[in-house]
Amino acid sequence: MKNSVKKIFGFLLLSLSIVLLVGCGNSSKEKVVKIGITGSDNRVWDAVAKKVEKDGIKIKLVEFSDYSQPNTALDQGEVDLNAFQTVYFMDNWNKTHHTKIVSIGSTDIAPMALYSKKVKKLSSLKDGGKIAIPNDPTNEGRALNLLASAGLIKLKDATLHTVKDISSNPHHFKISELDAAQTARSLSEMDAAVVNSGVASDSKLDPKTAIYTEKVTAASKPYVNVISANEKDKDNADYKKIVKAYQSDDIAKLTKKLYGNFQIPAWNYKILQDK
């Protein structure tokens, strides 16, 4: 009788130990990392997510509808990382919102482009035509520089251009400042609009139909898109694994296959690399 009781007690202890071990194993097996993004084209991030599964990391993408939300969510701990902004945008955000958000790795550079549903070339834009540009500080300045490089306007010297810095507008274009997400939608009313790559993709605009596309040069470094974290998390090992997975040859090839020259891997693009 005593031996039977001992056997039953031993079996119960063994069973409990197995349950506890399995439970502990499951709880530590997978680490969820929430990444804030804008836009709905997740094909590259889906590929990155598969790559880091072997490291026990599960990426959960959190979509935001405009550029004002992902940094707020990151600062408040609602997401762990975000991947939507340029270096310029991030630096300006930190200054104006007193946050400590840092880049932990570059992703790509997505040239802005000027689109139109009314004309097929720059020279066909009529005098007095209406042109929409994004209204947030960094994208507005970038859009104005695009218009200047296209020869449509001239700008005064400034660190961050606004419409007040237009020194010459010989064709009297009426430039309207809109939320970045609205620029593509405005094309039915405007003669042309400067549209961010992500917004253009979500709006099903074909980059090949753009009447002018931003040139990528060494001066484009501030417009490189980055994966961002709160400063206190910049050395997080799991986040570094995500960056490494993104900055790989197969992701570069996938980006090239999906987007051609309209979304360029920045980490291996020579003129964008830091010296």
Protein backbone atom coordinates (compact mmCIF):
# COMPACT_ATOMS: atom_id res chain seq x y z
CA MET A 1 0.00 0.00 0.00
CA LYS A 2 2.77 2.43 0.94
CA ASN A 3 4.63 1.67 -2.28
CA SER A 4 1.46 2.35 -4.31
CA VAL A 5 0.96 5.72 -2.62
CA LYS A 6 4.61 6.62 -3.25
CA LYS A 7 4.28 5.68 -6.93
CA ILE A 8 1.10 7.76 -7.34
CA PHE A 9 2.68 10.73 -5.54
CA GLY A 10 5.83 10.45 -7.66
CA PHE A 11 3.76 10.28 -10.86
CA LEU A 12 1.82 13.42 -9.85
CA LEU A 13 5.05 15.32 -9.12
CA LEU A 14 6.53 14.27 -12.47
CA SER A 15 3.36 15.31 -14.32
CA LEU A 16 3.30 18.68 -12.57
CA SER A 17 6.97 19.28 -13.42
CA ILE A 18 6.33 18.50 -17.10
CA VAL A 19 3.34 20.88 -17.20
CA LEU A 20 5.38 23.66 -15.60
CA LEU A 21 8.30 23.12 -17.97
CA VAL A 22 6.07 23.12 -21.03
CA GLY A 23 4.28 26.21 -19.76
CA CYS A 24 7.54 28.06 -19.15
CA GLY A 25 8.85 26.94 -22.52
CA ASN A 26 5.79 28.31 -24.36
CA SER A 27 5.88 31.65 -22.53
CA SER A 28 9.48 32.34 -23.51
CA LYS A 29 9.36 30.81 -26.98
CA GLU A 30 7.99 33.80 -28.83
CA LYS A 31 8.70 37.52 -28.38
CA VAL A 32 6.17 39.86 -29.99
CA VAL A 33 7.55 43.11 -31.39
CA LYS A 34 4.97 45.69 -32.46
CA ILE A 35 6.08 47.89 -35.37
CA GLY A 36 4.11 50.99 -36.35
CA ILE A 37 3.82 51.64 -40.09
CA THR A 38 1.80 53.78 -42.48
CA GLY A 39 0.29 52.38 -45.65
CA SER A 40 -1.01 48.90 -46.33
CA ASP A 41 1.68 47.41 -48.58
CA ASN A 42 3.37 45.05 -46.13
CA ARG A 43 5.07 42.66 -48.55
CA VAL A 44 8.63 43.52 -47.53
CA TRP A 45 7.82 43.48 -43.83
CA ASP A 46 6.02 40.14 -44.21
CA ALA A 47 9.25 38.72 -45.66
CA VAL A 48 11.29 40.19 -42.80
CA ALA A 49 8.83 38.70 -40.29
CA LYS A 50 9.41 35.23 -41.70
CA LYS A 51 13.19 35.67 -41.43
CA VAL A 52 13.12 36.48 -37.70
CA GLU A 53 10.72 33.70 -36.77
CA LYS A 54 13.77 31.43 -36.35
CA ASP A 55 14.97 33.80 -33.62
CA GLY A 56 11.71 33.41 -31.73
CA ILE A 57 10.55 36.91 -32.74
CA LYS A 58 7.03 37.55 -33.96
CA ILE A 59 6.55 40.88 -35.73
CA LYS A 60 3.12 42.45 -35.36
CA LEU A 61 2.51 45.34 -37.75
CA VAL A 62 0.33 48.19 -36.48
CA GLU A 63 -1.03 50.39 -39.29
CA PHE A 64 -1.59 54.12 -38.82
CA SER A 65 -3.52 56.39 -41.15
CA ASP A 66 -1.28 59.47 -41.03
CA TYR A 67 2.26 60.57 -40.16
CA SER A 68 1.34 62.18 -36.83
CA GLN A 69 0.46 58.92 -35.07
CA PRO A 70 3.36 56.42 -35.21
CA ASN A 71 5.86 58.52 -33.22
CA THR A 72 3.27 59.33 -30.56
CA ALA A 73 2.50 55.62 -30.27
CA LEU A 74 6.22 54.81 -30.01
CA ASP A 75 6.87 57.48 -27.38
CA GLN A 76 3.92 56.23 -25.32
CA GLY A 77 4.93 52.57 -25.57
CA GLU A 78 1.99 51.48 -27.70
CA VAL A 79 4.45 50.09 -30.27
CA ASP A 80 8.04 48.95 -29.83
CA LEU A 81 9.42 50.31 -33.10
CA ASN A 82 8.15 52.21 -36.09
CA ALA A 83 9.20 52.23 -39.74
CA PHE A 84 7.61 55.01 -41.73
CA GLN A 85 9.76 58.12 -41.47
CA THR A 86 12.84 59.76 -42.87
CA VAL A 87 15.80 60.91 -40.78
CA TYR A 88 14.74 64.51 -41.44
CA PHE A 89 11.17 63.88 -40.27
CA MET A 90 12.36 62.09 -37.12
CA ASP A 91 14.83 64.81 -36.16
CA ASN A 92 12.21 67.52 -36.66
CA TRP A 93 9.67 65.53 -34.64
CA ASN A 94 12.08 65.19 -31.72
CA LYS A 95 12.71 68.94 -31.71
CA THR A 96 9.06 69.94 -31.80
CA HIS A 97 7.70 67.22 -29.48
CA HIS A 98 10.67 66.88 -27.08
CA THR A 99 10.93 63.12 -27.66
CA LYS A 100 13.98 60.87 -27.76
CA ILE A 101 13.37 58.73 -30.81
CA VAL A 102 16.44 57.41 -32.66
CA SER A 103 17.24 55.49 -35.81
CA ILE A 104 18.48 51.94 -35.29
CA GLY A 105 18.93 51.20 -39.00
CA SER A 106 18.09 52.45 -42.47
CA THR A 107 15.61 50.72 -44.77
CA ASP A 108 15.12 52.44 -48.10
CA ILE A 109 14.73 55.73 -49.85
CA ALA A 110 11.50 56.30 -51.72
CA PRO A 111 11.69 59.22 -54.14
CA MET A 112 8.75 61.60 -54.12
CA ALA A 113 7.08 62.22 -57.46
CA LEU A 114 4.87 64.78 -59.16
CA TYR A 115 1.68 63.22 -60.55
CA SER A 116 -1.08 64.60 -62.73
CA LYS A 117 -4.31 63.28 -64.21
CA LYS A 118 -4.59 66.28 -66.52
CA VAL A 119 -1.21 66.43 -68.26
CA LYS A 120 1.45 63.91 -69.23
CA LYS A 121 4.54 66.11 -69.09
CA LEU A 122 5.88 69.05 -67.11
CA SER A 123 5.80 71.46 -70.01
CA SER A 124 2.05 70.94 -70.38
CA LEU A 125 1.25 72.37 -66.94
CA LYS A 126 -0.74 75.54 -67.54
CA ASP A 127 0.07 78.93 -66.04
CA GLY A 128 -1.85 79.46 -62.83
CA GLY A 129 -2.29 75.72 -62.38
CA LYS A 130 -2.97 74.24 -58.94
CA ILE A 131 -0.30 72.02 -57.35
CA ALA A 132 -0.77 70.15 -54.06
CA ILE A 133 2.12 69.40 -51.70
CA PRO A 134 2.26 67.70 -48.26
CA ASN A 135 1.82 70.14 -45.37
CA ASP A 136 4.04 68.58 -42.67
CA PRO A 137 7.32 70.50 -42.28
CA THR A 138 9.82 67.99 -43.64
CA ASN A 139 7.72 66.70 -46.53
CA GLU A 140 6.67 70.22 -47.49
CA GLY A 141 10.30 71.30 -47.75
CA ARG A 142 11.15 68.18 -49.71
CA ALA A 143 8.24 68.72 -52.10
CA LEU A 144 9.24 72.33 -52.70
CA ASN A 145 12.79 71.23 -53.47
CA LEU A 146 11.35 68.75 -55.97
CA LEU A 147 9.39 71.52 -57.70
CA ALA A 148 12.53 73.66 -57.75
CA SER A 149 14.64 70.85 -59.23
CA ALA A 150 11.94 70.40 -61.88
CA GLY A 151 12.41 74.06 -62.80
CA LEU A 152 8.88 75.11 -61.83
CA ILE A 153 9.86 77.48 -59.00
CA LYS A 154 12.94 78.94 -57.32
CA LEU A 155 13.63 78.95 -53.57
CA LYS A 156 15.53 81.17 -51.15
CA ASP A 157 18.29 79.59 -49.08
CA ALA A 158 16.71 77.95 -46.03
CA THR A 159 17.21 74.92 -43.82
CA LEU A 160 13.59 73.80 -44.00
CA HIS A 161 11.69 75.39 -46.87
CA THR A 162 8.07 76.55 -46.69
CA VAL A 163 5.94 78.23 -49.36
CA LYS A 164 7.15 81.56 -47.94
CA ASP A 165 10.61 80.72 -49.28
CA ILE A 166 9.47 80.68 -52.91
CA SER A 167 11.50 83.45 -54.54
CA SER A 168 10.30 82.95 -58.09
CA ASN A 169 7.09 81.45 -59.47
CA PRO A 170 7.07 82.56 -63.13
CA HIS A 171 4.08 80.42 -64.06
CA HIS A 172 2.04 81.63 -61.07
CA PHE A 173 1.27 78.15 -59.79
CA LYS A 174 -1.18 78.05 -56.90
CA ILE A 175 0.43 75.75 -54.34
CA SER A 176 -1.90 74.13 -51.82
CA GLU A 177 -0.62 72.51 -48.62
CA LEU A 178 -2.53 69.32 -47.74
CA ASP A 179 -2.15 66.43 -45.36
CA ALA A 180 0.23 63.98 -47.08
CA ALA A 181 -2.48 61.30 -47.25
CA GLN A 182 -4.76 63.69 -49.16
CA THR A 183 -2.33 64.64 -51.92
CA ALA A 184 -3.15 61.69 -54.16
CA ARG A 185 -6.90 62.16 -53.62
CA SER A 186 -6.60 65.78 -54.67
CA LEU A 187 -5.56 64.88 -58.21
CA SER A 188 -9.13 65.10 -59.48
CA GLU A 189 -9.17 68.77 -58.47
CA MET A 190 -5.54 69.77 -58.82
CA ASP A 191 -3.45 70.06 -61.96
CA ALA A 192 -0.68 68.13 -60.23
CA ALA A 193 0.38 66.90 -56.79
CA VAL A 194 3.64 65.94 -55.13
CA VAL A 195 2.94 62.54 -53.55
CA ASN A 196 5.01 60.44 -51.14
CA SER A 197 5.85 56.97 -52.42
CA GLY A 198 3.79 55.13 -49.78
CA VAL A 199 0.73 57.29 -50.38
CA ALA A 200 1.12 56.80 -54.14
CA SER A 201 1.29 53.03 -53.67
CA ASP A 202 -1.81 52.92 -51.48
CA SER A 203 -3.63 55.09 -54.04
CA LYS A 204 -2.64 52.73 -56.88
CA LEU A 205 -0.67 55.42 -58.69
CA ASP A 206 1.83 53.98 -61.14
CA PRO A 207 5.26 55.59 -60.59
CA LYS A 208 5.94 55.22 -64.31
CA THR A 209 3.19 57.76 -65.00
CA ALA A 210 4.74 60.47 -62.80
CA ILE A 211 5.60 63.63 -64.74
CA TYR A 212 8.67 64.22 -62.57
CA THR A 213 10.52 62.09 -60.00
CA GLU A 214 12.89 63.24 -57.27
CA LYS A 215 16.56 62.56 -58.03
CA VAL A 216 18.57 60.51 -55.51
CA THR A 217 21.95 62.08 -54.72
CA ALA A 218 24.29 62.35 -51.74
CA ALA A 219 22.13 65.28 -50.62
CA SER A 220 19.23 62.83 -50.24
CA LYS A 221 20.62 61.29 -47.01
CA PRO A 222 18.14 63.14 -44.76
CA TYR A 223 15.32 61.50 -46.74
CA VAL A 224 16.41 57.93 -46.05
CA ASN A 225 13.69 55.95 -44.28
CA VAL A 226 14.64 54.34 -40.98
CA ILE A 227 13.52 51.88 -38.34
CA SER A 228 13.08 53.95 -35.17
CA ALA A 229 13.10 53.11 -31.46
CA ASN A 230 13.00 55.02 -28.23
CA GLU A 231 16.56 55.95 -27.26
CA LYS A 232 16.47 53.71 -24.19
CA ASP A 233 15.84 50.69 -26.45
CA LYS A 234 18.44 51.39 -29.14
CA ASP A 235 20.64 48.45 -28.06
CA ASN A 236 17.82 45.92 -27.68
CA ALA A 237 19.13 42.61 -29.07
CA ASP A 238 15.83 41.56 -30.65
CA TYR A 239 15.46 44.91 -32.41
CA LYS A 240 18.99 44.56 -33.80
CA LYS A 241 18.06 41.15 -35.21
CA ILE A 242 15.10 42.72 -37.00
CA VAL A 243 17.36 45.39 -38.52
CA LYS A 244 19.86 42.73 -39.61
CA ALA A 245 17.08 40.69 -41.21
CA TYR A 246 15.85 43.76 -43.08
CA GLN A 247 19.32 44.82 -44.26
CA SER A 248 19.97 41.58 -46.14
CA ASP A 249 20.58 40.71 -49.78
CA ASP A 250 17.30 38.83 -50.19
CA ILE A 251 15.26 41.77 -48.88
CA ALA A 252 17.18 44.12 -51.20
CA LYS A 253 16.35 41.83 -54.14
CA LEU A 254 12.70 41.63 -53.11
CA THR A 255 12.48 45.42 -52.84
CA LYS A 256 14.00 45.77 -56.30
CA LYS A 257 11.59 43.18 -57.71
CA LEU A 258 8.52 44.82 -56.17
CA TYR A 259 9.34 48.50 -56.65
CA GLY A 260 12.17 48.88 -59.16
CA ASN A 261 13.85 52.27 -58.79
CA PHE A 262 10.94 53.78 -56.91
CA GLN A 263 11.95 52.28 -53.55
CA ILE A 264 15.71 51.83 -53.23
CA PRO A 265 17.49 49.89 -50.44
CA ALA A 266 19.47 52.62 -48.70
CA TRP A 267 21.83 50.57 -46.54
CA ASN A 268 23.83 49.40 -49.58
CA TYR A 269 23.33 52.36 -51.89
CA LYS A 270 26.81 53.87 -52.16
CA ILE A 271 25.98 57.58 -52.43
CA LEU A 272 23.74 57.33 -49.35
CA GLN A 273 26.23 55.55 -47.10
CA ASP A 274 27.85 57.60 -44.35
CA LYS A 275 31.57 58.16 -44.78
